[in-house]
Structure formats: structure tokens, C-alpha cells
Amino acid sequence: MNRAVWILFLAVAWLGCPKRLETSQVGASLDARELLDLASKVESQVFSIRGEGRLRVAAPSARSTVTVFIAAARPAFLHFEVIGFFGQPQAILASDGQTFALLQNDQGNYFHGPATPENVSRLLPVVLSGPELVSILLGAAPRIPAERLSAQALAEARAYLVTLWQGDRSQKIWIHPDNHRVLKSELRGAAAYDLLFEDFQATGAIDLPRKITLFASGSTTLELRYQELRVNPDLEPSLFKLAPPAGAKVIELDENGRPRGSL
């Protein structure tokens, strides 16, 4: 991606300032679409991140806590490294939104294929699309396309609750009344999961959560705590491409995450 594209991202993100809703309005009747628009404008101010953190994974099949390096940018640019005890990457995943590559240094395997949810989520115990995963890493809650909406003010929680419906799916989103950041999201129906955003810290005029927790079905929890984080850095396009090193076993995957040619 060239610098002109990054400038375009920046211009789109900063178009206009979100209208502020006063704290005294908690308890008032508000328009659900307006609340979502306010939250989306605040989230759009973050279009890229780069940093390190600790990722805790608790799943029925595995429990671990690892150091990770992450570089991500909208809409689906992702670079994700799992760092070993001696500071060397054990696994590197890169995607430009169209293709993906994964290098497992400990096994000498190099996987390559389309950037489908099954492939870009290969290092995680949950399946998320590239845009979903990048949005979450940038501190935003992905939305379902809403066929109808409702909103209510929760005075005791000092939050607005917006509910979205799409067929047999629903989503509840809690929005802070002052900074309009999404605090929590609960998605029900197909591909259900919950998100919790905590420990907001200001970077300039931007409040960004340093702790992001995803709860999925099957008692699976992913908790990411950012330790060092740069917001809206200019990321090199080479971060999102990964070539196979000499001697690696190259395995081509299909859109379902299976080796091509396998049954």
C-alpha cells in the first residue's frame, strides 16, 4: 500500500467531529441509528495499530499465555507473530486481505492460500474473518447488518444499550455516554461471540482499549492486553506479505483451510 492510500484512510477517519451527547442525557430516549453512527465515527479514528502484548488463550483443548507482536490496518491488513521465550517468532501470519501466509518456524511449515476466515484465524481457537479480526484488534466491535434497531439508556450502568436484529441473529452493544466508545458487544445466533473492551487510555484525542476480551462458544476465551502500542502508524506494505524461507515445506490451502488436493 502506498502513502497516498494511507492519506486517504486518514482523511476518511477524520471527516467531521462526532456530535457529543452529554452525560445528563442518560435516561433520555435516543435514536439507535444516531448512537451507532456516533460510535462508528469514534472507532473510525483508529485505522492502524502496531505493538506488542500478551495473549491469554483458554479453550477446552489448550491453555496458554504468549507474547504477540501485532500490526493491523483497515480493512483487513494483518501481521501477527507469536514470540517465543528467547524473543524469536515461533509463528508468523500475514494477510493483505486477499491472500494469507503462515510460517511455523518450530515445524518448518509454510502455509499459503486465500484470506478466508478459516485461514486468517489459523492461529486462534475461533474463526473470524479478516475484517472482523482487524476491527477487534483496533478496539472496535464488528456489527451485524441491522434489519431493525432499538435503543435504551441504562442510567445505573451509565451506558446506552443498542440492540440490532438480522433474521435469527441479534447483537447488543453497550456505548459509553461520554466518549461513545463501545464497551461491550454480545452477538447471538450463527457465529456467536461476546466482546469486552476495558482499560481505555488516551492517545492524543483517541481513547483506545488496552484490554480486549473475546468470549466464544465452547468455553473459549481470548484476552489480549496491549503493553506497547502505537496508534495510526504508517505501516510498511511488506508487513502483510510473507515469502517462504529456504527449506520450508510449502503447503497450499484452499478456502476451507484444507491442503489443496486433499479430500
C-alpha atoms as a PDB file:
ATOM      1  CA  MET A   1       0.000   0.000   0.000  1.00  0.00           C
ATOM      2  CA  ASN A   2       1.461   3.399  -0.933  1.00  0.00           C
ATOM      3  CA  ARG A   3       1.433   6.551   1.165  1.00  0.00           C
ATOM      4  CA  ALA A   4      -1.423   8.062  -0.849  1.00  0.00           C
ATOM      5  CA  VAL A   5      -3.730   5.288   0.322  1.00  0.00           C
ATOM      6  CA  TRP A   6      -2.775   5.923   3.949  1.00  0.00           C
ATOM      7  CA  ILE A   7      -3.559   9.598   3.487  1.00  0.00           C
ATOM      8  CA  LEU A   8      -6.968   8.602   2.133  1.00  0.00           C
ATOM      9  CA  PHE A   9      -7.551   6.418   5.198  1.00  0.00           C
ATOM     10  CA  LEU A  10      -6.625   9.340   7.436  1.00  0.00           C
ATOM     11  CA  ALA A  11      -8.883  11.753   5.614  1.00  0.00           C
ATOM     12  CA  VAL A  12     -11.865   9.421   5.836  1.00  0.00           C
ATOM     13  CA  ALA A  13     -11.254   8.724   9.515  1.00  0.00           C
ATOM     14  CA  TRP A  14     -11.155  12.375  10.497  1.00  0.00           C
ATOM     15  CA  LEU A  15     -14.010  13.706   8.371  1.00  0.00           C
ATOM     16  CA  GLY A  16     -16.047  15.734  10.808  1.00  0.00           C
ATOM     17  CA  CYS A  17     -16.132  15.543  14.600  1.00  0.00           C
ATOM     18  CA  PRO A  18     -18.699  13.303  16.286  1.00  0.00           C
ATOM     19  CA  LYS A  19     -21.502  15.180  17.987  1.00  0.00           C
ATOM     20  CA  ARG A  20     -21.177  14.922  21.748  1.00  0.00           C
ATOM     21  CA  LEU A  21     -24.003  13.531  23.853  1.00  0.00           C
ATOM     22  CA  GLU A  22     -23.995  14.946  27.367  1.00  0.00           C
ATOM     23  CA  THR A  23     -23.886  12.581  30.322  1.00  0.00           C
ATOM     24  CA  SER A  24     -27.146  14.131  31.530  1.00  0.00           C
ATOM     25  CA  GLN A  25     -28.862  12.544  28.515  1.00  0.00           C
ATOM     26  CA  VAL A  26     -28.530   9.085  30.033  1.00  0.00           C
ATOM     27  CA  GLY A  27     -32.106   8.211  30.814  1.00  0.00           C
ATOM     28  CA  ALA A  28     -33.415  10.084  27.781  1.00  0.00           C
ATOM     29  CA  SER A  29     -34.865   8.422  24.696  1.00  0.00           C
ATOM     30  CA  LEU A  30     -32.279   8.415  21.897  1.00  0.00           C
ATOM     31  CA  ASP A  31     -32.204   7.268  18.305  1.00  0.00           C
ATOM     32  CA  ALA A  32     -30.469   3.897  17.869  1.00  0.00           C
ATOM     33  CA  ARG A  33     -29.044   4.766  14.445  1.00  0.00           C
ATOM     34  CA  GLU A  34     -27.611   8.024  15.764  1.00  0.00           C
ATOM     35  CA  LEU A  35     -25.899   6.201  18.625  1.00  0.00           C
ATOM     36  CA  LEU A  36     -24.355   3.641  16.266  1.00  0.00           C
ATOM     37  CA  ASP A  37     -23.192   6.397  13.921  1.00  0.00           C
ATOM     38  CA  LEU A  38     -21.518   8.222  16.821  1.00  0.00           C
ATOM     39  CA  ALA A  39     -19.762   5.042  17.946  1.00  0.00           C
ATOM     40  CA  SER A  40     -18.671   4.241  14.388  1.00  0.00           C
ATOM     41  CA  LYS A  41     -17.189   7.730  13.895  1.00  0.00           C
ATOM     42  CA  VAL A  42     -15.147   7.372  17.070  1.00  0.00           C
ATOM     43  CA  GLU A  43     -13.965   3.888  16.083  1.00  0.00           C
ATOM     44  CA  SER A  44     -13.004   5.075  12.597  1.00  0.00           C
ATOM     45  CA  GLN A  45     -10.412   7.440  14.102  1.00  0.00           C
ATOM     46  CA  VAL A  46      -8.207   4.362  14.612  1.00  0.00           C
ATOM     47  CA  PHE A  47      -7.224   2.921  11.240  1.00  0.00           C
ATOM     48  CA  SER A  48      -3.966   1.154  12.133  1.00  0.00           C
ATOM     49  CA  ILE A  49      -2.044  -0.107  15.159  1.00  0.00           C
ATOM     50  CA  ARG A  50       1.364  -1.596  15.818  1.00  0.00           C
ATOM     51  CA  GLY A  51       2.560  -3.021  19.103  1.00  0.00           C
ATOM     52  CA  GLU A  52       3.186  -5.882  21.474  1.00  0.00           C
ATOM     53  CA  GLY A  53       1.010  -7.510  24.073  1.00  0.00           C
ATOM     54  CA  ARG A  54       0.173 -10.640  25.996  1.00  0.00           C
ATOM     55  CA  LEU A  55      -2.454 -13.005  24.667  1.00  0.00           C
ATOM     56  CA  ARG A  56      -4.112 -15.438  27.077  1.00  0.00           C
ATOM     57  CA  VAL A  57      -5.989 -18.310  25.470  1.00  0.00           C
ATOM     58  CA  ALA A  58      -8.308 -20.536  27.483  1.00  0.00           C
ATOM     59  CA  ALA A  59     -10.008 -23.231  25.425  1.00  0.00           C
ATOM     60  CA  PRO A  60     -11.130 -26.804  26.119  1.00  0.00           C
ATOM     61  CA  SER A  61      -8.200 -28.108  24.073  1.00  0.00           C
ATOM     62  CA  ALA A  62      -5.465 -25.700  25.219  1.00  0.00           C
ATOM     63  CA  ARG A  63      -4.479 -23.042  27.723  1.00  0.00           C
ATOM     64  CA  SER A  64      -1.552 -20.715  27.178  1.00  0.00           C
ATOM     65  CA  THR A  65      -0.267 -17.168  27.578  1.00  0.00           C
ATOM     66  CA  VAL A  66       2.099 -15.860  24.922  1.00  0.00           C
ATOM     67  CA  THR A  67       3.734 -12.626  23.851  1.00  0.00           C
ATOM     68  CA  VAL A  68       2.493 -11.363  20.494  1.00  0.00           C
ATOM     69  CA  PHE A  69       3.513  -8.695  18.020  1.00  0.00           C
ATOM     70  CA  ILE A  70       0.649  -7.212  16.022  1.00  0.00           C
ATOM     71  CA  ALA A  71       0.420  -4.812  13.103  1.00  0.00           C
ATOM     72  CA  ALA A  72      -3.043  -4.274  11.673  1.00  0.00           C
ATOM     73  CA  ALA A  73      -4.839  -1.791   9.430  1.00  0.00           C
ATOM     74  CA  ARG A  74      -8.314  -1.437   7.989  1.00  0.00           C
ATOM     75  CA  PRO A  75      -9.942  -3.088   6.267  1.00  0.00           C
ATOM     76  CA  ALA A  76      -8.151  -6.453   6.568  1.00  0.00           C
ATOM     77  CA  PHE A  77      -4.373  -5.961   6.669  1.00  0.00           C
ATOM     78  CA  LEU A  78      -2.873  -8.188   9.362  1.00  0.00           C
ATOM     79  CA  HIS A  79       0.561  -9.190  10.647  1.00  0.00           C
ATOM     80  CA  PHE A  80       0.553 -11.418  13.733  1.00  0.00           C
ATOM     81  CA  GLU A  81       3.565 -13.014  15.426  1.00  0.00           C
ATOM     82  CA  VAL A  82       3.751 -15.392  18.369  1.00  0.00           C
ATOM     83  CA  ILE A  83       7.018 -14.663  20.173  1.00  0.00           C
ATOM     84  CA  GLY A  84       8.970 -17.424  21.911  1.00  0.00           C
ATOM     85  CA  PHE A  85      10.822 -17.358  25.229  1.00  0.00           C
ATOM     86  CA  PHE A  86      14.042 -16.066  23.673  1.00  0.00           C
ATOM     87  CA  GLY A  87      12.339 -13.322  21.685  1.00  0.00           C
ATOM     88  CA  GLN A  88      12.226 -15.173  18.374  1.00  0.00           C
ATOM     89  CA  PRO A  89       8.950 -15.590  16.435  1.00  0.00           C
ATOM     90  CA  GLN A  90       7.567 -19.108  16.680  1.00  0.00           C
ATOM     91  CA  ALA A  91       4.827 -18.385  14.165  1.00  0.00           C
ATOM     92  CA  ILE A  92       4.174 -15.506  11.754  1.00  0.00           C
ATOM     93  CA  LEU A  93       0.877 -14.874   9.984  1.00  0.00           C
ATOM     94  CA  ALA A  94       0.452 -12.186   7.324  1.00  0.00           C
ATOM     95  CA  SER A  95      -2.517 -11.186   5.182  1.00  0.00           C
ATOM     96  CA  ASP A  96      -3.278  -8.317   2.816  1.00  0.00           C
ATOM     97  CA  GLY A  97      -6.994  -9.136   2.803  1.00  0.00           C
ATOM     98  CA  GLN A  98      -6.737 -11.181  -0.394  1.00  0.00           C
ATOM     99  CA  THR A  99      -4.108 -13.814   0.397  1.00  0.00           C
ATOM    100  CA  PHE A 100      -2.662 -15.171   3.604  1.00  0.00           C
ATOM    101  CA  ALA A 101       0.579 -16.852   4.630  1.00  0.00           C
ATOM    102  CA  LEU A 102       1.609 -18.582   7.842  1.00  0.00           C
ATOM    103  CA  LEU A 103       5.118 -19.670   8.778  1.00  0.00           C
ATOM    104  CA  GLN A 104       5.504 -22.153  11.634  1.00  0.00           C
ATOM    105  CA  ASN A 105       9.161 -21.852  12.488  1.00  0.00           C
ATOM    106  CA  ASP A 106       9.135 -24.699  15.007  1.00  0.00           C
ATOM    107  CA  GLN A 107       7.804 -27.147  12.402  1.00  0.00           C
ATOM    108  CA  GLY A 108       9.301 -25.649   9.255  1.00  0.00           C
ATOM    109  CA  ASN A 109       5.876 -25.409   7.570  1.00  0.00           C
ATOM    110  CA  TYR A 110       4.759 -22.539   5.344  1.00  0.00           C
ATOM    111  CA  PHE A 111       1.032 -22.297   4.571  1.00  0.00           C
ATOM    112  CA  HIS A 112      -0.374 -20.132   1.794  1.00  0.00           C
ATOM    113  CA  GLY A 113      -3.848 -19.544   0.419  1.00  0.00           C
ATOM    114  CA  PRO A 114      -6.831 -17.189   0.134  1.00  0.00           C
ATOM    115  CA  ALA A 115      -7.592 -14.868   3.067  1.00  0.00           C
ATOM    116  CA  THR A 116     -10.728 -16.690   4.180  1.00  0.00           C
ATOM    117  CA  PRO A 117     -11.862 -16.787   7.829  1.00  0.00           C
ATOM    118  CA  GLU A 118     -10.628 -20.379   8.165  1.00  0.00           C
ATOM    119  CA  ASN A 119      -7.142 -19.358   7.041  1.00  0.00           C
ATOM    120  CA  VAL A 120      -6.589 -15.980   8.723  1.00  0.00           C
ATOM    121  CA  SER A 121      -7.813 -17.461  12.038  1.00  0.00           C
ATOM    122  CA  ARG A 122      -5.451 -20.409  11.852  1.00  0.00           C
ATOM    123  CA  LEU A 123      -3.506 -19.347  14.962  1.00  0.00           C
ATOM    124  CA  LEU A 124      -6.680 -18.861  17.030  1.00  0.00           C
ATOM    125  CA  PRO A 125      -9.257 -21.246  18.548  1.00  0.00           C
ATOM    126  CA  VAL A 126     -12.091 -19.211  16.986  1.00  0.00           C
ATOM    127  CA  VAL A 127     -12.927 -18.470  13.352  1.00  0.00           C
ATOM    128  CA  LEU A 128     -13.153 -14.783  12.398  1.00  0.00           C
ATOM    129  CA  SER A 129     -12.987 -13.036   9.045  1.00  0.00           C
ATOM    130  CA  GLY A 130     -10.070 -10.729   8.308  1.00  0.00           C
ATOM    131  CA  PRO A 131     -12.158  -7.541   8.645  1.00  0.00           C
ATOM    132  CA  GLU A 132     -13.670  -8.806  11.924  1.00  0.00           C
ATOM    133  CA  LEU A 133     -10.291  -9.676  13.397  1.00  0.00           C
ATOM    134  CA  VAL A 134      -8.711  -6.370  12.375  1.00  0.00           C
ATOM    135  CA  SER A 135     -11.657  -4.372  13.738  1.00  0.00           C
ATOM    136  CA  ILE A 136     -11.386  -6.115  17.105  1.00  0.00           C
ATOM    137  CA  LEU A 137      -7.630  -5.559  17.286  1.00  0.00           C
ATOM    138  CA  LEU A 138      -8.264  -1.862  16.601  1.00  0.00           C
ATOM    139  CA  GLY A 139     -10.664  -1.724  19.543  1.00  0.00           C
ATOM    140  CA  ALA A 140     -13.900  -1.774  17.544  1.00  0.00           C
ATOM    141  CA  ALA A 141     -16.908  -4.093  17.713  1.00  0.00           C
ATOM    142  CA  PRO A 142     -17.947  -5.550  14.327  1.00  0.00           C
ATOM    143  CA  ARG A 143     -21.666  -5.038  13.626  1.00  0.00           C
ATOM    144  CA  ILE A 144     -24.214  -7.293  12.001  1.00  0.00           C
ATOM    145  CA  PRO A 145     -26.236  -5.667   9.179  1.00  0.00           C
ATOM    146  CA  ALA A 146     -29.312  -4.494  11.065  1.00  0.00           C
ATOM    147  CA  GLU A 147     -32.819  -5.016   9.702  1.00  0.00           C
ATOM    148  CA  ARG A 148     -34.230  -3.266  12.772  1.00  0.00           C
ATOM    149  CA  LEU A 149     -32.839  -1.454  15.796  1.00  0.00           C
ATOM    150  CA  SER A 150     -33.774  -0.371  19.290  1.00  0.00           C
ATOM    151  CA  ALA A 151     -32.050   1.759  21.919  1.00  0.00           C
ATOM    152  CA  GLN A 152     -32.396   2.371  25.619  1.00  0.00           C
ATOM    153  CA  ALA A 153     -30.465   4.315  28.228  1.00  0.00           C
ATOM    154  CA  LEU A 154     -29.136   2.404  31.227  1.00  0.00           C
ATOM    155  CA  ALA A 155     -28.769   5.038  33.920  1.00  0.00           C
ATOM    156  CA  GLU A 156     -27.428   2.604  36.512  1.00  0.00           C
ATOM    157  CA  ALA A 157     -24.681   1.418  34.141  1.00  0.00           C
ATOM    158  CA  ARG A 158     -24.063   4.875  32.640  1.00  0.00           C
ATOM    159  CA  ALA A 159     -24.324   3.404  29.177  1.00  0.00           C
ATOM    160  CA  TYR A 160     -26.588   3.252  26.163  1.00  0.00           C
ATOM    161  CA  LEU A 161     -27.729  -0.180  25.016  1.00  0.00           C
ATOM    162  CA  VAL A 162     -28.401  -0.602  21.299  1.00  0.00           C
ATOM    163  CA  THR A 163     -29.897  -3.866  20.021  1.00  0.00           C
ATOM    164  CA  LEU A 164     -29.648  -4.966  16.383  1.00  0.00           C
ATOM    165  CA  TRP A 165     -31.609  -7.757  14.681  1.00  0.00           C
ATOM    166  CA  GLN A 166     -30.882  -9.563  11.413  1.00  0.00           C
ATOM    167  CA  GLY A 167     -33.016 -12.621  10.762  1.00  0.00           C
ATOM    168  CA  ASP A 168     -32.303 -15.095  13.570  1.00  0.00           C
ATOM    169  CA  ARG A 169     -29.222 -13.171  14.686  1.00  0.00           C
ATOM    170  CA  SER A 170     -29.114 -10.375  17.245  1.00  0.00           C
ATOM    171  CA  GLN A 171     -26.459  -8.134  18.746  1.00  0.00           C
ATOM    172  CA  LYS A 172     -26.421  -5.992  21.878  1.00  0.00           C
ATOM    173  CA  ILE A 173     -23.936  -3.113  22.055  1.00  0.00           C
ATOM    174  CA  TRP A 174     -23.187  -1.038  25.153  1.00  0.00           C
ATOM    175  CA  ILE A 175     -21.935   2.504  24.340  1.00  0.00           C
ATOM    176  CA  HIS A 176     -20.286   4.919  26.772  1.00  0.00           C
ATOM    177  CA  PRO A 177     -22.299   8.173  27.065  1.00  0.00           C
ATOM    178  CA  ASP A 178     -19.263  10.490  27.109  1.00  0.00           C
ATOM    179  CA  ASN A 179     -16.670   9.213  24.634  1.00  0.00           C
ATOM    180  CA  HIS A 180     -19.080   6.975  22.639  1.00  0.00           C
ATOM    181  CA  ARG A 181     -16.690   4.037  22.750  1.00  0.00           C
ATOM    182  CA  VAL A 182     -18.235   0.571  22.587  1.00  0.00           C
ATOM    183  CA  LEU A 183     -17.747  -1.082  25.984  1.00  0.00           C
ATOM    184  CA  LYS A 184     -19.307  -4.452  25.275  1.00  0.00           C
ATOM    185  CA  SER A 185     -20.886  -6.451  22.467  1.00  0.00           C
ATOM    186  CA  GLU A 186     -22.957  -9.636  22.645  1.00  0.00           C
ATOM    187  CA  LEU A 187     -23.664 -11.448  19.378  1.00  0.00           C
ATOM    188  CA  ARG A 188     -26.245 -14.251  19.303  1.00  0.00           C
ATOM    189  CA  GLY A 189     -27.172 -16.691  16.570  1.00  0.00           C
ATOM    190  CA  ALA A 190     -24.739 -18.057  13.995  1.00  0.00           C
ATOM    191  CA  ALA A 191     -21.045 -17.432  14.779  1.00  0.00           C
ATOM    192  CA  ALA A 192     -21.876 -16.013  18.210  1.00  0.00           C
ATOM    193  CA  TYR A 193     -19.266 -14.388  20.447  1.00  0.00           C
ATOM    194  CA  ASP A 194     -19.033 -11.613  23.040  1.00  0.00           C
ATOM    195  CA  LEU A 195     -16.511  -8.766  23.282  1.00  0.00           C
ATOM    196  CA  LEU A 196     -15.432  -6.732  26.289  1.00  0.00           C
ATOM    197  CA  PHE A 197     -13.318  -3.561  25.901  1.00  0.00           C
ATOM    198  CA  GLU A 198     -11.529  -2.260  29.016  1.00  0.00           C
ATOM    199  CA  ASP A 199      -8.648  -0.132  30.295  1.00  0.00           C
ATOM    200  CA  PHE A 200      -9.174   2.778  27.904  1.00  0.00           C
ATOM    201  CA  GLN A 201      -6.160   5.050  27.591  1.00  0.00           C
ATOM    202  CA  ALA A 202      -5.890   8.275  25.642  1.00  0.00           C
ATOM    203  CA  THR A 203      -3.517   8.652  22.712  1.00  0.00           C
ATOM    204  CA  GLY A 204      -3.968  12.274  21.772  1.00  0.00           C
ATOM    205  CA  ALA A 205      -7.692  12.717  21.270  1.00  0.00           C
ATOM    206  CA  ILE A 206      -8.290   8.979  20.838  1.00  0.00           C
ATOM    207  CA  ASP A 207      -9.397   6.656  23.658  1.00  0.00           C
ATOM    208  CA  LEU A 208      -8.323   3.095  22.876  1.00  0.00           C
ATOM    209  CA  PRO A 209      -8.876  -0.050  24.979  1.00  0.00           C
ATOM    210  CA  ARG A 210      -5.662  -1.708  26.142  1.00  0.00           C
ATOM    211  CA  LYS A 211      -7.532  -4.857  27.203  1.00  0.00           C
ATOM    212  CA  ILE A 212      -9.790  -6.744  24.770  1.00  0.00           C
ATOM    213  CA  THR A 213     -11.525  -9.987  25.711  1.00  0.00           C
ATOM    214  CA  LEU A 214     -13.409 -12.288  23.354  1.00  0.00           C
ATOM    215  CA  PHE A 215     -15.738 -14.966  24.731  1.00  0.00           C
ATOM    216  CA  ALA A 216     -16.765 -17.665  22.248  1.00  0.00           C
ATOM    217  CA  SER A 217     -18.921 -20.761  22.481  1.00  0.00           C
ATOM    218  CA  GLY A 218     -17.391 -23.877  23.973  1.00  0.00           C
ATOM    219  CA  SER A 219     -15.881 -22.056  26.976  1.00  0.00           C
ATOM    220  CA  THR A 220     -13.233 -20.370  24.840  1.00  0.00           C
ATOM    221  CA  THR A 221     -11.732 -17.061  25.980  1.00  0.00           C
ATOM    222  CA  LEU A 222      -9.102 -14.879  24.324  1.00  0.00           C
ATOM    223  CA  GLU A 223      -7.752 -11.983  26.381  1.00  0.00           C
ATOM    224  CA  LEU A 224      -5.372  -9.509  24.739  1.00  0.00           C
ATOM    225  CA  ARG A 225      -3.543  -6.915  26.832  1.00  0.00           C
ATOM    226  CA  TYR A 226      -1.549  -4.381  24.867  1.00  0.00           C
ATOM    227  CA  GLN A 227       1.721  -3.432  26.579  1.00  0.00           C
ATOM    228  CA  GLU A 228       3.316  -1.254  23.915  1.00  0.00           C
ATOM    229  CA  LEU A 229       1.101   0.274  21.275  1.00  0.00           C
ATOM    230  CA  ARG A 230       1.373   2.858  18.520  1.00  0.00           C
ATOM    231  CA  VAL A 231      -1.886   4.216  17.153  1.00  0.00           C
ATOM    232  CA  ASN A 232      -2.241   5.107  13.452  1.00  0.00           C
ATOM    233  CA  PRO A 233       1.393   4.454  12.476  1.00  0.00           C
ATOM    234  CA  ASP A 234       2.458   4.388   8.840  1.00  0.00           C
ATOM    235  CA  LEU A 235       2.852   0.640   8.231  1.00  0.00           C
ATOM    236  CA  GLU A 236       5.102  -0.848   5.577  1.00  0.00           C
ATOM    237  CA  PRO A 237       3.237  -2.893   2.938  1.00  0.00           C
ATOM    238  CA  SER A 238       5.876  -5.636   3.317  1.00  0.00           C
ATOM    239  CA  LEU A 239       4.416  -6.468   6.751  1.00  0.00           C
ATOM    240  CA  PHE A 240       1.388  -8.001   5.070  1.00  0.00           C
ATOM    241  CA  LYS A 241       3.289 -10.273   2.685  1.00  0.00           C
ATOM    242  CA  LEU A 242       5.319 -13.294   3.757  1.00  0.00           C
ATOM    243  CA  ALA A 243       7.517 -15.335   1.420  1.00  0.00           C
ATOM    244  CA  PRO A 244       8.575 -18.903   2.242  1.00  0.00           C
ATOM    245  CA  PRO A 245      12.117 -19.138   3.625  1.00  0.00           C
ATOM    246  CA  ALA A 246      14.590 -21.538   2.115  1.00  0.00           C
ATOM    247  CA  GLY A 247      13.961 -25.101   3.197  1.00  0.00           C
ATOM    248  CA  ALA A 248      10.411 -24.585   4.400  1.00  0.00           C
ATOM    249  CA  LYS A 249       7.731 -27.093   3.429  1.00  0.00           C
ATOM    250  CA  VAL A 250       5.180 -25.174   1.320  1.00  0.00           C
ATOM    251  CA  ILE A 251       1.558 -26.205   1.808  1.00  0.00           C
ATOM    252  CA  GLU A 252      -1.137 -24.599  -0.343  1.00  0.00           C
ATOM    253  CA  LEU A 253      -4.528 -24.313   1.377  1.00  0.00           C
ATOM    254  CA  ASP A 254      -7.990 -23.974  -0.137  1.00  0.00           C
ATOM    255  CA  GLU A 255     -10.697 -21.565   1.059  1.00  0.00           C
ATOM    256  CA  ASN A 256     -11.716 -24.043   3.792  1.00  0.00           C
ATOM    257  CA  GLY A 257      -8.227 -24.231   5.243  1.00  0.00           C
ATOM    258  CA  ARG A 258      -7.517 -27.698   3.855  1.00  0.00           C
ATOM    259  CA  PRO A 259      -4.396 -28.629   1.861  1.00  0.00           C
ATOM    260  CA  ARG A 260      -5.233 -28.479  -1.836  1.00  0.00           C
ATOM    261  CA  GLY A 261      -5.828 -31.879  -3.332  1.00  0.00           C
ATOM    262  CA  SER A 262      -6.939 -33.421  -0.042  1.00  0.00           C
ATOM    263  CA  LEU A 263     -10.385 -34.932   0.380  1.00  0.00           C
END
